[in-house]
């Protein structure tokens, strides 16, 4: 049961990363569950946790970002309510009425829940990181000497430019 939930969260989180929402946090939850049984998941937990915290700090670093994130989350609320109420398709809708607001109340409730989670996470991020964005330590990559792996290629020198003007110009 725990492993199934971990895989569901991991796959859902990975799918949600490019979409609006807490994709990194869902991925982290899945990795935390899977890390109890798999070493590969345990090795990735710290990296995903740091990235999620960096994203949270980045989202509240300026007033503009905070305002944009808050506005986006607040705009999802009325959309969820409309989805739950599920009014009839308007006259301008070109497709069949079955394609108007598909999913019904379940989709509306999930939108309300997403907005609530987003606003809660914004509040948490604001309290934790606002005014102190350096609280999150940067991600440390393994020490790899990139230059040592590349063969030395001598720099090509460009020929000196010739002037069309003599020294009298």
C-alpha atoms as a PDB file:
ATOM      1  CA  UNK A   1       0.000   0.000   0.000  1.00  0.00           C
ATOM      2  CA  UNK A   2       2.783   2.452   0.931  1.00  0.00           C
ATOM      3  CA  UNK A   3       4.734   1.661  -2.212  1.00  0.00           C
ATOM      4  CA  UNK A   4       1.654   2.068  -4.417  1.00  0.00           C
ATOM      5  CA  UNK A   5       0.912   5.436  -2.835  1.00  0.00           C
ATOM      6  CA  UNK A   6       4.552   6.445  -3.297  1.00  0.00           C
ATOM      7  CA  UNK A   7       4.501   5.573  -6.983  1.00  0.00           C
ATOM      8  CA  UNK A   8       1.187   7.376  -7.483  1.00  0.00           C
ATOM      9  CA  UNK A   9       2.508  10.506  -5.790  1.00  0.00           C
ATOM     10  CA  UNK A  10       5.811  10.346  -7.644  1.00  0.00           C
ATOM     11  CA  UNK A  11       4.192   9.982 -11.064  1.00  0.00           C
ATOM     12  CA  UNK A  12       1.539  12.595 -10.277  1.00  0.00           C
ATOM     13  CA  UNK A  13       4.175  15.000  -9.018  1.00  0.00           C
ATOM     14  CA  UNK A  14       6.356  14.534 -12.082  1.00  0.00           C
ATOM     15  CA  UNK A  15       3.321  15.166 -14.286  1.00  0.00           C
ATOM     16  CA  UNK A  16       2.441  18.272 -12.257  1.00  0.00           C
ATOM     17  CA  UNK A  17       5.892  19.872 -12.424  1.00  0.00           C
ATOM     18  CA  UNK A  18       5.244  21.691 -15.725  1.00  0.00           C
ATOM     19  CA  UNK A  19       1.652  22.471 -14.681  1.00  0.00           C
ATOM     20  CA  UNK A  20       0.595  25.045 -12.112  1.00  0.00           C
ATOM     21  CA  UNK A  21       0.626  23.539  -8.673  1.00  0.00           C
ATOM     22  CA  UNK A  22       2.966  21.992  -6.136  1.00  0.00           C
ATOM     23  CA  UNK A  23       4.578  19.409  -8.437  1.00  0.00           C
ATOM     24  CA  UNK A  24       7.895  19.337  -6.579  1.00  0.00           C
ATOM     25  CA  UNK A  25       6.170  18.858  -3.228  1.00  0.00           C
ATOM     26  CA  UNK A  26       4.057  15.983  -4.553  1.00  0.00           C
ATOM     27  CA  UNK A  27       7.195  14.437  -6.064  1.00  0.00           C
ATOM     28  CA  UNK A  28       8.956  14.847  -2.723  1.00  0.00           C
ATOM     29  CA  UNK A  29       6.091  13.114  -0.900  1.00  0.00           C
ATOM     30  CA  UNK A  30       6.282  10.205  -3.314  1.00  0.00           C
ATOM     31  CA  UNK A  31      10.049   9.945  -2.929  1.00  0.00           C
ATOM     32  CA  UNK A  32       9.756  10.036   0.857  1.00  0.00           C
ATOM     33  CA  UNK A  33       7.364   7.094   0.790  1.00  0.00           C
ATOM     34  CA  UNK A  34       9.482   5.168  -1.711  1.00  0.00           C
ATOM     35  CA  UNK A  35      12.729   5.921   0.146  1.00  0.00           C
ATOM     36  CA  UNK A  36      11.719   3.511   2.888  1.00  0.00           C
ATOM     37  CA  UNK A  37      12.033   0.620   0.448  1.00  0.00           C
ATOM     38  CA  UNK A  38      14.357   1.858  -2.309  1.00  0.00           C
ATOM     39  CA  UNK A  39      17.873   3.270  -2.086  1.00  0.00           C
ATOM     40  CA  UNK A  40      17.539   5.156  -5.385  1.00  0.00           C
ATOM     41  CA  UNK A  41      14.634   7.170  -3.954  1.00  0.00           C
ATOM     42  CA  UNK A  42      16.508   7.916  -0.734  1.00  0.00           C
ATOM     43  CA  UNK A  43      19.430   9.333  -2.719  1.00  0.00           C
ATOM     44  CA  UNK A  44      17.123  11.799  -4.472  1.00  0.00           C
ATOM     45  CA  UNK A  45      15.093  13.051  -1.492  1.00  0.00           C
ATOM     46  CA  UNK A  46      17.557  15.749  -0.389  1.00  0.00           C
ATOM     47  CA  UNK A  47      17.964  17.168  -3.888  1.00  0.00           C
ATOM     48  CA  UNK A  48      14.194  17.398  -4.484  1.00  0.00           C
ATOM     49  CA  UNK A  49      13.630  18.864  -1.000  1.00  0.00           C
ATOM     50  CA  UNK A  50      16.227  21.587  -1.641  1.00  0.00           C
ATOM     51  CA  UNK A  51      14.764  22.398  -5.051  1.00  0.00           C
ATOM     52  CA  UNK A  52      11.250  22.611  -3.598  1.00  0.00           C
ATOM     53  CA  UNK A  53      12.451  24.983  -0.865  1.00  0.00           C
ATOM     54  CA  UNK A  54      14.359  27.079  -3.397  1.00  0.00           C
ATOM     55  CA  UNK A  55      11.245  27.328  -5.567  1.00  0.00           C
ATOM     56  CA  UNK A  56       9.203  28.362  -2.521  1.00  0.00           C
ATOM     57  CA  UNK A  57      11.736  31.060  -1.609  1.00  0.00           C
ATOM     58  CA  UNK A  58      11.918  32.239  -5.220  1.00  0.00           C
ATOM     59  CA  UNK A  59       8.122  32.557  -5.423  1.00  0.00           C
ATOM     60  CA  UNK A  60       7.959  35.102  -2.611  1.00  0.00           C
ATOM     61  CA  UNK A  61      11.260  36.899  -3.218  1.00  0.00           C
ATOM     62  CA  UNK A  62       9.598  39.982  -4.711  1.00  0.00           C
ATOM     63  CA  UNK A  63       6.203  41.633  -4.371  1.00  0.00           C
ATOM     64  CA  UNK A  64       5.489  41.024  -8.035  1.00  0.00           C
ATOM     65  CA  UNK A  65       6.017  37.276  -7.749  1.00  0.00           C
ATOM     66  CA  UNK A  66       3.964  37.106  -4.572  1.00  0.00           C
ATOM     67  CA  UNK A  67       1.166  39.123  -6.170  1.00  0.00           C
ATOM     68  CA  UNK A  68       1.216  36.998  -9.331  1.00  0.00           C
ATOM     69  CA  UNK A  69       1.159  33.719  -7.408  1.00  0.00           C
ATOM     70  CA  UNK A  70      -1.601  34.894  -5.098  1.00  0.00           C
ATOM     71  CA  UNK A  71      -3.694  36.218  -7.974  1.00  0.00           C
ATOM     72  CA  UNK A  72      -3.320  32.956  -9.895  1.00  0.00           C
ATOM     73  CA  UNK A  73      -4.382  30.895  -6.899  1.00  0.00           C
ATOM     74  CA  UNK A  74      -7.333  33.195  -6.185  1.00  0.00           C
ATOM     75  CA  UNK A  75      -8.490  33.036  -9.817  1.00  0.00           C
ATOM     76  CA  UNK A  76      -8.749  29.245  -9.593  1.00  0.00           C
ATOM     77  CA  UNK A  77     -11.396  29.562  -6.836  1.00  0.00           C
ATOM     78  CA  UNK A  78     -14.234  30.998  -8.969  1.00  0.00           C
ATOM     79  CA  UNK A  79     -13.392  28.604 -11.797  1.00  0.00           C
ATOM     80  CA  UNK A  80     -13.805  25.706  -9.363  1.00  0.00           C
ATOM     81  CA  UNK A  81     -17.133  27.087  -8.169  1.00  0.00           C
ATOM     82  CA  UNK A  82     -18.387  27.421 -11.763  1.00  0.00           C
ATOM     83  CA  UNK A  83     -17.269  23.855 -12.438  1.00  0.00           C
ATOM     84  CA  UNK A  84     -19.199  22.600  -9.399  1.00  0.00           C
ATOM     85  CA  UNK A  85     -22.358  24.572 -10.284  1.00  0.00           C
ATOM     86  CA  UNK A  86     -21.961  23.342 -13.875  1.00  0.00           C
ATOM     87  CA  UNK A  87     -24.207  25.763 -15.772  1.00  0.00           C
ATOM     88  CA  UNK A  88     -25.553  24.860 -19.191  1.00  0.00           C
ATOM     89  CA  UNK A  89     -23.270  25.366 -22.170  1.00  0.00           C
ATOM     90  CA  UNK A  90     -23.538  28.910 -23.576  1.00  0.00           C
ATOM     91  CA  UNK A  91     -24.817  29.551 -27.071  1.00  0.00           C
ATOM     92  CA  UNK A  92     -21.343  30.427 -28.386  1.00  0.00           C
ATOM     93  CA  UNK A  93     -19.947  26.993 -27.391  1.00  0.00           C
ATOM     94  CA  UNK A  94     -19.150  25.250 -30.719  1.00  0.00           C
ATOM     95  CA  UNK A  95     -18.847  21.668 -29.433  1.00  0.00           C
ATOM     96  CA  UNK A  96     -21.362  19.221 -28.059  1.00  0.00           C
ATOM     97  CA  UNK A  97     -22.690  20.053 -24.594  1.00  0.00           C
ATOM     98  CA  UNK A  98     -20.961  16.927 -23.230  1.00  0.00           C
ATOM     99  CA  UNK A  99     -17.634  18.707 -23.804  1.00  0.00           C
ATOM    100  CA  UNK A 100     -18.664  21.710 -21.673  1.00  0.00           C
ATOM    101  CA  UNK A 101     -16.960  21.525 -18.263  1.00  0.00           C
ATOM    102  CA  UNK A 102     -16.081  17.805 -18.386  1.00  0.00           C
ATOM    103  CA  UNK A 103     -15.514  15.982 -15.127  1.00  0.00           C
ATOM    104  CA  UNK A 104     -18.276  17.683 -13.232  1.00  0.00           C
ATOM    105  CA  UNK A 105     -18.127  18.460  -9.535  1.00  0.00           C
ATOM    106  CA  UNK A 106     -15.029  16.298  -8.970  1.00  0.00           C
ATOM    107  CA  UNK A 107     -12.926  18.623 -11.114  1.00  0.00           C
ATOM    108  CA  UNK A 108     -14.387  21.682  -9.371  1.00  0.00           C
ATOM    109  CA  UNK A 109     -13.620  20.299  -5.920  1.00  0.00           C
ATOM    110  CA  UNK A 110     -10.070  19.428  -6.993  1.00  0.00           C
ATOM    111  CA  UNK A 111      -9.621  23.005  -8.264  1.00  0.00           C
ATOM    112  CA  UNK A 112     -10.817  24.418  -4.943  1.00  0.00           C
ATOM    113  CA  UNK A 113      -8.450  22.070  -3.114  1.00  0.00           C
ATOM    114  CA  UNK A 114      -5.565  23.091  -5.393  1.00  0.00           C
ATOM    115  CA  UNK A 115      -6.232  26.765  -4.725  1.00  0.00           C
ATOM    116  CA  UNK A 116      -6.378  26.130  -0.981  1.00  0.00           C
ATOM    117  CA  UNK A 117      -3.088  24.201  -1.066  1.00  0.00           C
ATOM    118  CA  UNK A 118      -1.453  26.910  -3.202  1.00  0.00           C
ATOM    119  CA  UNK A 119      -2.576  29.690  -0.849  1.00  0.00           C
ATOM    120  CA  UNK A 120      -1.457  27.704   2.193  1.00  0.00           C
ATOM    121  CA  UNK A 121       1.961  27.080   0.641  1.00  0.00           C
ATOM    122  CA  UNK A 122       2.262  30.758  -0.295  1.00  0.00           C
ATOM    123  CA  UNK A 123       1.504  31.716   3.285  1.00  0.00           C
ATOM    124  CA  UNK A 124       4.085  29.243   4.580  1.00  0.00           C
ATOM    125  CA  UNK A 125       6.682  30.428   2.059  1.00  0.00           C
ATOM    126  CA  UNK A 126       6.023  34.061   2.902  1.00  0.00           C
ATOM    127  CA  UNK A 127       6.449  33.498   6.624  1.00  0.00           C
ATOM    128  CA  UNK A 128       9.551  31.361   6.222  1.00  0.00           C
ATOM    129  CA  UNK A 129      11.448  32.999   3.378  1.00  0.00           C
ATOM    130  CA  UNK A 130      10.274  36.587   2.912  1.00  0.00           C
ATOM    131  CA  UNK A 131      13.086  38.939   3.839  1.00  0.00           C
ATOM    132  CA  UNK A 132      15.555  36.071   4.218  1.00  0.00           C
ATOM    133  CA  UNK A 133      15.884  34.303   0.843  1.00  0.00           C
ATOM    134  CA  UNK A 134      19.341  33.024   1.775  1.00  0.00           C
ATOM    135  CA  UNK A 135      17.820  30.647   4.343  1.00  0.00           C
ATOM    136  CA  UNK A 136      17.809  27.975   1.658  1.00  0.00           C
ATOM    137  CA  UNK A 137      21.243  26.594   1.067  1.00  0.00           C
ATOM    138  CA  UNK A 138      22.247  26.230  -2.561  1.00  0.00           C
ATOM    139  CA  UNK A 139      22.272  22.795  -4.071  1.00  0.00           C
ATOM    140  CA  UNK A 140      25.763  21.365  -4.058  1.00  0.00           C
ATOM    141  CA  UNK A 141      26.616  19.339  -7.114  1.00  0.00           C
ATOM    142  CA  UNK A 142      29.176  16.557  -6.919  1.00  0.00           C
ATOM    143  CA  UNK A 143      32.735  17.656  -7.473  1.00  0.00           C
ATOM    144  CA  UNK A 144      33.517  16.957 -11.111  1.00  0.00           C
ATOM    145  CA  UNK A 145      36.445  18.553 -12.837  1.00  0.00           C
ATOM    146  CA  UNK A 146      34.927  19.291 -16.212  1.00  0.00           C
ATOM    147  CA  UNK A 147      38.132  20.696 -17.636  1.00  0.00           C
ATOM    148  CA  UNK A 148      40.050  17.534 -16.779  1.00  0.00           C
ATOM    149  CA  UNK A 149      37.651  15.449 -18.835  1.00  0.00           C
ATOM    150  CA  UNK A 150      38.106  17.589 -21.947  1.00  0.00           C
ATOM    151  CA  UNK A 151      41.161  17.260 -24.120  1.00  0.00           C
ATOM    152  CA  UNK A 152      43.247  20.380 -24.285  1.00  0.00           C
ATOM    153  CA  UNK A 153      42.566  22.234 -27.516  1.00  0.00           C
ATOM    154  CA  UNK A 154      44.914  25.059 -28.341  1.00  0.00           C
ATOM    155  CA  UNK A 155      43.259  28.423 -28.789  1.00  0.00           C
ATOM    156  CA  UNK A 156      43.132  29.624 -32.331  1.00  0.00           C
ATOM    157  CA  UNK A 157      44.579  33.030 -32.743  1.00  0.00           C
ATOM    158  CA  UNK A 158      42.960  35.431 -35.081  1.00  0.00           C
ATOM    159  CA  UNK A 159      45.235  37.229 -37.458  1.00  0.00           C
ATOM    160  CA  UNK A 160      45.821  40.869 -36.614  1.00  0.00           C
ATOM    161  CA  UNK A 161      43.547  43.283 -38.407  1.00  0.00           C
ATOM    162  CA  UNK A 162      45.159  45.163 -41.171  1.00  0.00           C
ATOM    163  CA  UNK A 163      44.469  48.808 -41.368  1.00  0.00           C
ATOM    164  CA  UNK A 164      43.762  50.433 -44.660  1.00  0.00           C
ATOM    165  CA  UNK A 165      45.033  53.647 -43.269  1.00  0.00           C
ATOM    166  CA  UNK A 166      48.685  54.365 -43.183  1.00  0.00           C
ATOM    167  CA  UNK A 167      50.338  55.919 -40.185  1.00  0.00           C
ATOM    168  CA  UNK A 168      49.595  59.340 -41.680  1.00  0.00           C
ATOM    169  CA  UNK A 169      45.799  58.974 -41.263  1.00  0.00           C
END
